Structure formats: C-alpha cells, structure tokens
C-alpha cells in the first residue's frame, strides 16, 4: 500500500449517517469510542483491534463490529497495512427499526462478535458501502436506502434473539399508488420514504410487501422501467449517451451494464436494429 488516506462522507437522507473510506499503513488508533456503532468491512490486508477486553484480528472480507460507546483501538496486522470502509449508524436508528421487526421499541442490539463472517451480509454491506463512499451523482437513492434497511435488519436479526420473529404484515397491502409513482417518475431520483408513505407503510415494511407482491424490489422495478424507456428512446434514434442521461443512469456504462444484463445485447446494438442509417454507437 502506498499513501495513507481517509475520506469521510455524510448522508443527510439517511439520518445524518457518516461513512469512512480509509487506507492505513502506520496509523495506530489509541483507545477511543464513538457515539454510533462501527460497522466496517476490510477490503485489503488485515486490522488488529482491541474490543471487549481482548485483541481481535480482522482479515480481508471480514466485518468489524463495535457497539456504540464501546472502547476500542486499531492498527495494522500486516506489514503492508490495511484498507477498509465503515459506516456509523446511531443507536436510535436501530431502536426505531426494532419497532418494525417486533412491533415495539426495545432498544438497539448488542454485537457479541467483534469480527463477523457472513457471506450474504458481507455482499450487501459491500454494496451499501460502495454507495456510501462514492460521489452523490453515482448513487441511486432508492437503491442506497433499500440496502441500508436490509443491512441493518440482517444485523439485528443476527444479534438480538428478540428480533427473530418478524411482526406480521397486513395482508393485501395497497401498493397501487407507489407502483404508479414509480412508473411516472422512474427516471428521477426517488426516496424510499416517499414511496412507502404513498402506501401508508414504513420503509421497512414497504420493501418486503412490494417484493412479495411484484417479485422485485422497488429499486429493481425502477431499473426495469428505466430500461423500457431507454428502449423507446433508442428505437427513435437517440444516441446511447443521451439515452443514459434521459433515463436517469449516471453514465453510459451504467446503462450498458443494466441493459445488457436484461436484454442480452448492448444499447448500441439495440439502437442499430431499427435503422441502418444511424451512426453506430460504441458497443
């Protein structure tokens, strides 16, 4: 690893959530605590840290868990150093989610393990931290918020026995207004809280009910609608770059990825099917 660096991010739309992306070689954190939880993912190398009366080693792809106000430190466990990303949710955010899980507020969870390995959670946490530690223009708000709720829920279900039984959902939830809103504004940034409110649900319940009824998460449905709109624009000769911009994708490669994964060909190839006179786009 070369230089040491760290970058903080602040996400007002997620309750002021802070996130960090860092790479250290010689950094040696003294014992300290945070007001919020530390939920980190080791990207490279390994970290050694003190927590709960003993030292722990977190290798690549492992999750670091430190409870709010818990004393801990941190340093490299390898000569090359370590890099990681982390977020710092407040206990109040977990507490509010507990009401969605079992129907009452019963406090935030306590993480028994300092280093945690769970393939599903690691995958989603990696996606979430990618969103939290990139520039705003590259993020999809609905996708980021959905990932945040999913990661928080998985953590609570893993570490608090009281949360293992989810609160029963109301049958036949009315998702029509939310569906219509997603159809009409699919190319815009959409807040999870906004569309959940249209169905008179909390964001947590909305995501579960939506997927149950439609077979897709709200974000996946949004992408599907954007691709449909992109096909229409491409048929009428709009170039790939303009189509990506019109449909809410942050760049041409973003459209390319989602289009090919769903249609099987690139946007440029699709456009060229409808007019041999069109100038070929980069494929």
C-alpha atoms as a PDB file:
ATOM      1  CA  UNK A   1       0.000   0.000   0.000  1.00  0.00           C
ATOM      2  CA  UNK A   2       1.265   3.473  -0.810  1.00  0.00           C
ATOM      3  CA  UNK A   3      -0.096   6.554   0.878  1.00  0.00           C
ATOM      4  CA  UNK A   4      -2.263   6.702   3.932  1.00  0.00           C
ATOM      5  CA  UNK A   5      -5.551   8.412   3.340  1.00  0.00           C
ATOM      6  CA  UNK A   6      -9.048   8.665   4.735  1.00  0.00           C
ATOM      7  CA  UNK A   7     -12.241  10.286   3.457  1.00  0.00           C
ATOM      8  CA  UNK A   8     -15.410  10.928   5.432  1.00  0.00           C
ATOM      9  CA  UNK A   9     -18.876  11.078   3.905  1.00  0.00           C
ATOM     10  CA  UNK A  10     -22.109  12.434   5.368  1.00  0.00           C
ATOM     11  CA  UNK A  11     -25.580  11.295   4.231  1.00  0.00           C
ATOM     12  CA  UNK A  12     -28.340  13.586   5.404  1.00  0.00           C
ATOM     13  CA  UNK A  13     -31.020  11.468   3.709  1.00  0.00           C
ATOM     14  CA  UNK A  14     -30.031   8.517   5.904  1.00  0.00           C
ATOM     15  CA  UNK A  15     -30.456  10.377   9.159  1.00  0.00           C
ATOM     16  CA  UNK A  16     -27.059  12.048   9.016  1.00  0.00           C
ATOM     17  CA  UNK A  17     -25.252   8.720   8.618  1.00  0.00           C
ATOM     18  CA  UNK A  18     -21.465   9.045   8.436  1.00  0.00           C
ATOM     19  CA  UNK A  19     -19.209   6.734   6.455  1.00  0.00           C
ATOM     20  CA  UNK A  20     -15.456   6.369   6.050  1.00  0.00           C
ATOM     21  CA  UNK A  21     -13.125   5.034   3.384  1.00  0.00           C
ATOM     22  CA  UNK A  22      -9.544   4.653   4.549  1.00  0.00           C
ATOM     23  CA  UNK A  23      -6.175   3.100   3.819  1.00  0.00           C
ATOM     24  CA  UNK A  24      -3.514   2.962   6.529  1.00  0.00           C
ATOM     25  CA  UNK A  25      -0.030   1.547   6.875  1.00  0.00           C
ATOM     26  CA  UNK A  26       1.373   3.042  10.056  1.00  0.00           C
ATOM     27  CA  UNK A  27      -1.746   4.505  11.678  1.00  0.00           C
ATOM     28  CA  UNK A  28      -2.189   3.401  15.279  1.00  0.00           C
ATOM     29  CA  UNK A  29      -5.517   4.440  16.787  1.00  0.00           C
ATOM     30  CA  UNK A  30      -5.456   4.958  20.543  1.00  0.00           C
ATOM     31  CA  UNK A  31      -8.330   3.583  22.599  1.00  0.00           C
ATOM     32  CA  UNK A  32     -11.482   5.588  21.963  1.00  0.00           C
ATOM     33  CA  UNK A  33     -15.223   5.238  21.369  1.00  0.00           C
ATOM     34  CA  UNK A  34     -17.892   6.554  19.006  1.00  0.00           C
ATOM     35  CA  UNK A  35     -21.422   7.744  19.683  1.00  0.00           C
ATOM     36  CA  UNK A  36     -22.612   5.429  16.951  1.00  0.00           C
ATOM     37  CA  UNK A  37     -21.855   1.827  16.045  1.00  0.00           C
ATOM     38  CA  UNK A  38     -18.873   0.981  13.872  1.00  0.00           C
ATOM     39  CA  UNK A  39     -19.773  -1.422  11.079  1.00  0.00           C
ATOM     40  CA  UNK A  40     -16.779  -1.915   8.844  1.00  0.00           C
ATOM     41  CA  UNK A  41     -15.591  -4.142   6.029  1.00  0.00           C
ATOM     42  CA  UNK A  42     -11.913  -4.979   5.479  1.00  0.00           C
ATOM     43  CA  UNK A  43     -11.064  -4.517   1.789  1.00  0.00           C
ATOM     44  CA  UNK A  44      -7.358  -5.373   1.878  1.00  0.00           C
ATOM     45  CA  UNK A  45      -4.766  -6.513   4.406  1.00  0.00           C
ATOM     46  CA  UNK A  46      -5.850  -7.106   7.986  1.00  0.00           C
ATOM     47  CA  UNK A  47      -6.625  -4.999  11.041  1.00  0.00           C
ATOM     48  CA  UNK A  48      -5.805  -5.714  14.672  1.00  0.00           C
ATOM     49  CA  UNK A  49      -8.000  -4.052  17.273  1.00  0.00           C
ATOM     50  CA  UNK A  50      -8.954  -4.196  20.922  1.00  0.00           C
ATOM     51  CA  UNK A  51     -12.592  -4.671  21.919  1.00  0.00           C
ATOM     52  CA  UNK A  52     -14.413  -6.363  24.810  1.00  0.00           C
ATOM     53  CA  UNK A  53     -11.282  -6.973  26.857  1.00  0.00           C
ATOM     54  CA  UNK A  54      -9.156  -8.665  24.201  1.00  0.00           C
ATOM     55  CA  UNK A  55      -7.464  -8.191  20.818  1.00  0.00           C
ATOM     56  CA  UNK A  56      -9.019  -9.330  17.552  1.00  0.00           C
ATOM     57  CA  UNK A  57      -7.749  -9.817  14.005  1.00  0.00           C
ATOM     58  CA  UNK A  58      -9.999  -8.914  11.082  1.00  0.00           C
ATOM     59  CA  UNK A  59      -8.698 -10.229   7.715  1.00  0.00           C
ATOM     60  CA  UNK A  60      -9.841  -9.290   4.234  1.00  0.00           C
ATOM     61  CA  UNK A  61     -13.606  -9.572   3.589  1.00  0.00           C
ATOM     62  CA  UNK A  62     -14.468  -9.791   7.286  1.00  0.00           C
ATOM     63  CA  UNK A  63     -16.912  -7.470   9.056  1.00  0.00           C
ATOM     64  CA  UNK A  64     -15.828  -5.391  12.047  1.00  0.00           C
ATOM     65  CA  UNK A  65     -18.488  -4.708  14.671  1.00  0.00           C
ATOM     66  CA  UNK A  66     -18.066  -2.247  17.526  1.00  0.00           C
ATOM     67  CA  UNK A  67     -21.016  -1.243  19.697  1.00  0.00           C
ATOM     68  CA  UNK A  68     -21.853   2.384  20.367  1.00  0.00           C
ATOM     69  CA  UNK A  69     -19.721   3.960  23.113  1.00  0.00           C
ATOM     70  CA  UNK A  70     -17.559   0.826  23.277  1.00  0.00           C
ATOM     71  CA  UNK A  71     -13.836   1.336  23.864  1.00  0.00           C
ATOM     72  CA  UNK A  72     -11.647   0.077  21.023  1.00  0.00           C
ATOM     73  CA  UNK A  73      -8.480   0.871  19.104  1.00  0.00           C
ATOM     74  CA  UNK A  74      -6.995  -0.123  15.755  1.00  0.00           C
ATOM     75  CA  UNK A  75      -3.748  -0.822  13.940  1.00  0.00           C
ATOM     76  CA  UNK A  76      -2.424  -2.894  11.077  1.00  0.00           C
ATOM     77  CA  UNK A  77      -1.975  -6.631  11.464  1.00  0.00           C
ATOM     78  CA  UNK A  78       0.277  -6.891   8.393  1.00  0.00           C
ATOM     79  CA  UNK A  79       3.395  -5.089   7.187  1.00  0.00           C
ATOM     80  CA  UNK A  80       1.507  -3.766   4.173  1.00  0.00           C
ATOM     81  CA  UNK A  81      -1.236  -2.162   6.261  1.00  0.00           C
ATOM     82  CA  UNK A  82      -4.957  -2.372   5.677  1.00  0.00           C
ATOM     83  CA  UNK A  83      -7.822  -0.632   3.919  1.00  0.00           C
ATOM     84  CA  UNK A  84     -11.455  -0.629   4.906  1.00  0.00           C
ATOM     85  CA  UNK A  85     -14.785   1.124   4.636  1.00  0.00           C
ATOM     86  CA  UNK A  86     -17.145   1.701   7.536  1.00  0.00           C
ATOM     87  CA  UNK A  87     -20.434   3.327   8.497  1.00  0.00           C
ATOM     88  CA  UNK A  88     -21.505   4.650  11.881  1.00  0.00           C
ATOM     89  CA  UNK A  89     -25.275   4.309  12.434  1.00  0.00           C
ATOM     90  CA  UNK A  90     -26.725   5.768  15.624  1.00  0.00           C
ATOM     91  CA  UNK A  91     -28.406   3.558  18.249  1.00  0.00           C
ATOM     92  CA  UNK A  92     -31.646   5.466  17.607  1.00  0.00           C
ATOM     93  CA  UNK A  93     -31.711   4.145  14.050  1.00  0.00           C
ATOM     94  CA  UNK A  94     -31.554   0.559  15.289  1.00  0.00           C
ATOM     95  CA  UNK A  95     -34.085   1.327  18.003  1.00  0.00           C
ATOM     96  CA  UNK A  96     -36.602   2.702  15.513  1.00  0.00           C
ATOM     97  CA  UNK A  97     -36.155  -0.362  13.315  1.00  0.00           C
ATOM     98  CA  UNK A  98     -36.868  -2.672  16.263  1.00  0.00           C
ATOM     99  CA  UNK A  99     -40.462  -1.453  16.252  1.00  0.00           C
ATOM    100  CA  UNK A 100     -40.753  -2.579  12.627  1.00  0.00           C
ATOM    101  CA  UNK A 101     -39.382  -6.009  13.472  1.00  0.00           C
ATOM    102  CA  UNK A 102     -41.455  -6.951  16.519  1.00  0.00           C
ATOM    103  CA  UNK A 103     -43.937  -4.125  16.970  1.00  0.00           C
ATOM    104  CA  UNK A 104     -42.330  -2.350  19.923  1.00  0.00           C
ATOM    105  CA  UNK A 105     -39.214  -0.310  20.569  1.00  0.00           C
ATOM    106  CA  UNK A 106     -36.922  -2.489  22.632  1.00  0.00           C
ATOM    107  CA  UNK A 107     -33.543  -0.905  22.169  1.00  0.00           C
ATOM    108  CA  UNK A 108     -30.615  -1.304  19.857  1.00  0.00           C
ATOM    109  CA  UNK A 109     -28.773  -4.636  19.549  1.00  0.00           C
ATOM    110  CA  UNK A 110     -25.514  -5.623  21.205  1.00  0.00           C
ATOM    111  CA  UNK A 111     -22.956  -7.180  18.891  1.00  0.00           C
ATOM    112  CA  UNK A 112     -21.338 -10.093  20.698  1.00  0.00           C
ATOM    113  CA  UNK A 113     -18.744 -10.703  17.995  1.00  0.00           C
ATOM    114  CA  UNK A 114     -16.019  -8.197  17.176  1.00  0.00           C
ATOM    115  CA  UNK A 115     -15.258  -9.907  13.856  1.00  0.00           C
ATOM    116  CA  UNK A 116     -18.146 -11.409  11.938  1.00  0.00           C
ATOM    117  CA  UNK A 117     -18.226 -13.527   8.779  1.00  0.00           C
ATOM    118  CA  UNK A 118     -21.468 -13.945   6.892  1.00  0.00           C
ATOM    119  CA  UNK A 119     -21.425 -14.244   3.110  1.00  0.00           C
ATOM    120  CA  UNK A 120     -24.854 -12.735   2.484  1.00  0.00           C
ATOM    121  CA  UNK A 121     -24.329  -9.833   4.858  1.00  0.00           C
ATOM    122  CA  UNK A 122     -20.808  -9.180   3.529  1.00  0.00           C
ATOM    123  CA  UNK A 123     -22.170  -8.995  -0.018  1.00  0.00           C
ATOM    124  CA  UNK A 124     -24.895  -6.484   0.875  1.00  0.00           C
ATOM    125  CA  UNK A 125     -22.639  -4.465   3.165  1.00  0.00           C
ATOM    126  CA  UNK A 126     -20.095  -4.192   0.359  1.00  0.00           C
ATOM    127  CA  UNK A 127     -22.785  -2.868  -1.990  1.00  0.00           C
ATOM    128  CA  UNK A 128     -24.036  -0.413   0.630  1.00  0.00           C
ATOM    129  CA  UNK A 129     -20.551   0.894   1.421  1.00  0.00           C
ATOM    130  CA  UNK A 130     -19.903   1.316  -2.296  1.00  0.00           C
ATOM    131  CA  UNK A 131     -22.917   3.616  -2.396  1.00  0.00           C
ATOM    132  CA  UNK A 132     -21.963   5.462   0.777  1.00  0.00           C
ATOM    133  CA  UNK A 133     -18.373   6.146  -0.262  1.00  0.00           C
ATOM    134  CA  UNK A 134     -18.856   7.340  -3.832  1.00  0.00           C
ATOM    135  CA  UNK A 135     -19.931  10.701  -5.226  1.00  0.00           C
ATOM    136  CA  UNK A 136     -23.618  11.545  -4.992  1.00  0.00           C
ATOM    137  CA  UNK A 137     -24.156  11.560  -8.749  1.00  0.00           C
ATOM    138  CA  UNK A 138     -23.239   7.878  -8.954  1.00  0.00           C
ATOM    139  CA  UNK A 139     -25.809   6.811  -6.373  1.00  0.00           C
ATOM    140  CA  UNK A 140     -29.391   5.757  -6.767  1.00  0.00           C
ATOM    141  CA  UNK A 141     -31.226   6.997  -3.684  1.00  0.00           C
ATOM    142  CA  UNK A 142     -33.818   4.238  -3.665  1.00  0.00           C
ATOM    143  CA  UNK A 143     -31.139   1.565  -4.034  1.00  0.00           C
ATOM    144  CA  UNK A 144     -28.958   3.025  -1.265  1.00  0.00           C
ATOM    145  CA  UNK A 145     -31.835   3.374   1.196  1.00  0.00           C
ATOM    146  CA  UNK A 146     -33.047  -0.150   0.467  1.00  0.00           C
ATOM    147  CA  UNK A 147     -29.580  -1.582   1.074  1.00  0.00           C
ATOM    148  CA  UNK A 148     -29.286   0.367   4.316  1.00  0.00           C
ATOM    149  CA  UNK A 149     -32.534  -1.082   5.679  1.00  0.00           C
ATOM    150  CA  UNK A 150     -31.573  -4.575   4.562  1.00  0.00           C
ATOM    151  CA  UNK A 151     -28.119  -4.485   6.201  1.00  0.00           C
ATOM    152  CA  UNK A 152     -29.473  -3.010   9.432  1.00  0.00           C
ATOM    153  CA  UNK A 153     -32.196  -5.664   9.555  1.00  0.00           C
ATOM    154  CA  UNK A 154     -29.777  -8.542   8.957  1.00  0.00           C
ATOM    155  CA  UNK A 155     -27.564  -7.285  11.762  1.00  0.00           C
ATOM    156  CA  UNK A 156     -30.464  -7.056  14.201  1.00  0.00           C
ATOM    157  CA  UNK A 157     -31.767 -10.488  13.315  1.00  0.00           C
ATOM    158  CA  UNK A 158     -28.294 -11.952  13.776  1.00  0.00           C
ATOM    159  CA  UNK A 159     -27.528 -10.488  17.179  1.00  0.00           C
ATOM    160  CA  UNK A 160     -30.772  -9.984  19.078  1.00  0.00           C
ATOM    161  CA  UNK A 161     -32.824 -13.066  19.926  1.00  0.00           C
ATOM    162  CA  UNK A 162     -35.953 -10.987  20.487  1.00  0.00           C
ATOM    163  CA  UNK A 163     -35.885  -9.901  16.860  1.00  0.00           C
ATOM    164  CA  UNK A 164     -36.029 -13.315  15.281  1.00  0.00           C
ATOM    165  CA  UNK A 165     -39.796 -13.225  14.881  1.00  0.00           C
ATOM    166  CA  UNK A 166     -40.840 -10.513  12.477  1.00  0.00           C
ATOM    167  CA  UNK A 167     -44.043  -8.616  13.034  1.00  0.00           C
ATOM    168  CA  UNK A 168     -46.882  -9.929  10.892  1.00  0.00           C
ATOM    169  CA  UNK A 169     -47.605  -7.888   7.785  1.00  0.00           C
ATOM    170  CA  UNK A 170     -51.042  -6.690   6.854  1.00  0.00           C
ATOM    171  CA  UNK A 171     -52.488  -8.795   4.033  1.00  0.00           C
ATOM    172  CA  UNK A 172     -53.291  -7.278   0.639  1.00  0.00           C
ATOM    173  CA  UNK A 173     -51.401  -4.074   1.184  1.00  0.00           C
ATOM    174  CA  UNK A 174     -52.372  -1.335  -1.268  1.00  0.00           C
ATOM    175  CA  UNK A 175     -49.264  -0.689  -3.334  1.00  0.00           C
ATOM    176  CA  UNK A 176     -51.063   0.802  -6.330  1.00  0.00           C
ATOM    177  CA  UNK A 177     -50.114   4.427  -5.662  1.00  0.00           C
ATOM    178  CA  UNK A 178     -46.477   3.529  -5.130  1.00  0.00           C
ATOM    179  CA  UNK A 179     -46.463   1.498  -8.341  1.00  0.00           C
ATOM    180  CA  UNK A 180     -47.981   4.388 -10.295  1.00  0.00           C
ATOM    181  CA  UNK A 181     -45.463   6.801  -8.811  1.00  0.00           C
ATOM    182  CA  UNK A 182     -42.558   4.563  -9.816  1.00  0.00           C
ATOM    183  CA  UNK A 183     -43.999   4.275 -13.325  1.00  0.00           C
ATOM    184  CA  UNK A 184     -44.398   8.024 -13.741  1.00  0.00           C
ATOM    185  CA  UNK A 185     -41.140   9.144 -12.143  1.00  0.00           C
ATOM    186  CA  UNK A 186     -38.897   6.159 -12.847  1.00  0.00           C
ATOM    187  CA  UNK A 187     -36.193   8.308 -14.428  1.00  0.00           C
ATOM    188  CA  UNK A 188     -35.886  10.592 -11.407  1.00  0.00           C
ATOM    189  CA  UNK A 189     -34.261  10.075  -8.022  1.00  0.00           C
ATOM    190  CA  UNK A 190     -36.932   8.628  -5.738  1.00  0.00           C
ATOM    191  CA  UNK A 191     -36.904   8.494  -1.966  1.00  0.00           C
ATOM    192  CA  UNK A 192     -37.813   5.201  -0.325  1.00  0.00           C
ATOM    193  CA  UNK A 193     -39.591   7.105   2.427  1.00  0.00           C
ATOM    194  CA  UNK A 194     -41.670   8.977  -0.157  1.00  0.00           C
ATOM    195  CA  UNK A 195     -42.999   5.928  -1.997  1.00  0.00           C
ATOM    196  CA  UNK A 196     -43.521   3.977   1.233  1.00  0.00           C
ATOM    197  CA  UNK A 197     -45.682   6.825   2.524  1.00  0.00           C
ATOM    198  CA  UNK A 198     -47.883   6.525  -0.557  1.00  0.00           C
ATOM    199  CA  UNK A 199     -48.818   3.056   0.669  1.00  0.00           C
ATOM    200  CA  UNK A 200     -49.061   4.204   4.313  1.00  0.00           C
ATOM    201  CA  UNK A 201     -46.201   1.925   5.365  1.00  0.00           C
ATOM    202  CA  UNK A 202     -42.819   2.262   6.970  1.00  0.00           C
ATOM    203  CA  UNK A 203     -39.903   1.878   4.512  1.00  0.00           C
ATOM    204  CA  UNK A 204     -39.017  -1.477   6.088  1.00  0.00           C
ATOM    205  CA  UNK A 205     -42.472  -2.990   5.556  1.00  0.00           C
ATOM    206  CA  UNK A 206     -42.869  -1.380   2.163  1.00  0.00           C
ATOM    207  CA  UNK A 207     -39.786  -3.106   0.730  1.00  0.00           C
ATOM    208  CA  UNK A 208     -40.938  -6.517   1.968  1.00  0.00           C
ATOM    209  CA  UNK A 209     -44.516  -6.109   0.801  1.00  0.00           C
ATOM    210  CA  UNK A 210     -43.507  -4.722  -2.578  1.00  0.00           C
ATOM    211  CA  UNK A 211     -41.190  -7.611  -3.330  1.00  0.00           C
ATOM    212  CA  UNK A 212     -43.792 -10.083  -2.098  1.00  0.00           C
ATOM    213  CA  UNK A 213     -46.473  -8.662  -4.400  1.00  0.00           C
ATOM    214  CA  UNK A 214     -44.435  -7.840  -7.507  1.00  0.00           C
ATOM    215  CA  UNK A 215     -41.459 -10.180  -7.260  1.00  0.00           C
ATOM    216  CA  UNK A 216     -38.977  -7.302  -7.484  1.00  0.00           C
ATOM    217  CA  UNK A 217     -37.588  -4.794  -5.039  1.00  0.00           C
ATOM    218  CA  UNK A 218     -38.673  -1.182  -5.679  1.00  0.00           C
ATOM    219  CA  UNK A 219     -35.194  -0.395  -6.974  1.00  0.00           C
ATOM    220  CA  UNK A 220     -35.160  -3.377  -9.352  1.00  0.00           C
ATOM    221  CA  UNK A 221     -38.576  -2.306 -10.657  1.00  0.00           C
ATOM    222  CA  UNK A 222     -37.297   1.242 -11.150  1.00  0.00           C
ATOM    223  CA  UNK A 223     -34.376  -0.054 -13.221  1.00  0.00           C
ATOM    224  CA  UNK A 224     -36.747  -2.231 -15.242  1.00  0.00           C
ATOM    225  CA  UNK A 225     -38.913   0.802 -16.053  1.00  0.00           C
ATOM    226  CA  UNK A 226     -35.845   2.837 -16.983  1.00  0.00           C
ATOM    227  CA  UNK A 227     -34.731   0.121 -19.403  1.00  0.00           C
ATOM    228  CA  UNK A 228     -38.163   0.081 -21.048  1.00  0.00           C
ATOM    229  CA  UNK A 229     -37.979   3.828 -21.518  1.00  0.00           C
ATOM    230  CA  UNK A 230     -34.438   3.523 -22.863  1.00  0.00           C
ATOM    231  CA  UNK A 231     -35.615   1.038 -25.494  1.00  0.00           C
ATOM    232  CA  UNK A 232     -38.209   3.534 -26.719  1.00  0.00           C
ATOM    233  CA  UNK A 233     -35.662   6.329 -26.988  1.00  0.00           C
ATOM    234  CA  UNK A 234     -33.122   4.116 -28.744  1.00  0.00           C
ATOM    235  CA  UNK A 235     -35.752   2.982 -31.248  1.00  0.00           C
ATOM    236  CA  UNK A 236     -36.283   6.635 -32.157  1.00  0.00           C
ATOM    237  CA  UNK A 237     -32.582   7.176 -32.790  1.00  0.00           C
ATOM    238  CA  UNK A 238     -31.391   8.898 -29.625  1.00  0.00           C
ATOM    239  CA  UNK A 239     -27.748   8.078 -29.021  1.00  0.00           C
ATOM    240  CA  UNK A 240     -26.649   5.931 -26.096  1.00  0.00           C
ATOM    241  CA  UNK A 241     -25.106   8.737 -24.058  1.00  0.00           C
ATOM    242  CA  UNK A 242     -28.213  10.929 -24.316  1.00  0.00           C
ATOM    243  CA  UNK A 243     -30.446   7.963 -23.548  1.00  0.00           C
ATOM    244  CA  UNK A 244     -28.490   7.189 -20.392  1.00  0.00           C
ATOM    245  CA  UNK A 245     -28.906  10.791 -19.238  1.00  0.00           C
ATOM    246  CA  UNK A 246     -32.618  10.946 -20.083  1.00  0.00           C
ATOM    247  CA  UNK A 247     -33.360   7.697 -18.269  1.00  0.00           C
ATOM    248  CA  UNK A 248     -31.601   8.564 -15.026  1.00  0.00           C
ATOM    249  CA  UNK A 249     -28.459   6.446 -15.423  1.00  0.00           C
ATOM    250  CA  UNK A 250     -25.383   8.278 -14.201  1.00  0.00           C
ATOM    251  CA  UNK A 251     -23.357   7.425 -17.310  1.00  0.00           C
ATOM    252  CA  UNK A 252     -23.303   5.358 -20.483  1.00  0.00           C
ATOM    253  CA  UNK A 253     -21.543   2.381 -18.896  1.00  0.00           C
ATOM    254  CA  UNK A 254     -24.211   2.218 -16.184  1.00  0.00           C
ATOM    255  CA  UNK A 255     -26.930   1.950 -18.838  1.00  0.00           C
ATOM    256  CA  UNK A 256     -24.797  -0.541 -20.782  1.00  0.00           C
ATOM    257  CA  UNK A 257     -24.467  -2.832 -17.743  1.00  0.00           C
ATOM    258  CA  UNK A 258     -28.164  -2.903 -16.855  1.00  0.00           C
ATOM    259  CA  UNK A 259     -29.355  -3.042 -20.473  1.00  0.00           C
ATOM    260  CA  UNK A 260     -27.196  -5.990 -21.472  1.00  0.00           C
ATOM    261  CA  UNK A 261     -27.966  -7.903 -18.260  1.00  0.00           C
ATOM    262  CA  UNK A 262     -31.686  -7.672 -19.030  1.00  0.00           C
ATOM    263  CA  UNK A 263     -31.934  -7.557 -22.842  1.00  0.00           C
ATOM    264  CA  UNK A 264     -28.880  -9.589 -23.803  1.00  0.00           C
ATOM    265  CA  UNK A 265     -27.373  -7.026 -26.194  1.00  0.00           C
ATOM    266  CA  UNK A 266     -25.825  -3.604 -25.739  1.00  0.00           C
ATOM    267  CA  UNK A 267     -27.843  -0.382 -26.094  1.00  0.00           C
ATOM    268  CA  UNK A 268     -25.861   0.450 -29.244  1.00  0.00           C
ATOM    269  CA  UNK A 269     -26.654  -2.901 -30.826  1.00  0.00           C
ATOM    270  CA  UNK A 270     -30.318  -2.468 -29.954  1.00  0.00           C
ATOM    271  CA  UNK A 271     -30.425   1.031 -31.470  1.00  0.00           C
ATOM    272  CA  UNK A 272     -28.816  -0.144 -34.702  1.00  0.00           C
ATOM    273  CA  UNK A 273     -31.522  -2.783 -35.188  1.00  0.00           C
ATOM    274  CA  UNK A 274     -34.037  -0.091 -36.074  1.00  0.00           C
ATOM    275  CA  UNK A 275     -32.167   1.976 -38.618  1.00  0.00           C
ATOM    276  CA  UNK A 276     -29.216   1.041 -40.775  1.00  0.00           C
ATOM    277  CA  UNK A 277     -28.663   4.730 -41.402  1.00  0.00           C
ATOM    278  CA  UNK A 278     -27.914   5.514 -37.788  1.00  0.00           C
ATOM    279  CA  UNK A 279     -24.282   6.028 -36.878  1.00  0.00           C
ATOM    280  CA  UNK A 280     -23.128   3.095 -34.809  1.00  0.00           C
ATOM    281  CA  UNK A 281     -22.644   3.787 -31.128  1.00  0.00           C
ATOM    282  CA  UNK A 282     -19.773   2.441 -29.135  1.00  0.00           C
ATOM    283  CA  UNK A 283     -20.739  -1.058 -28.059  1.00  0.00           C
END
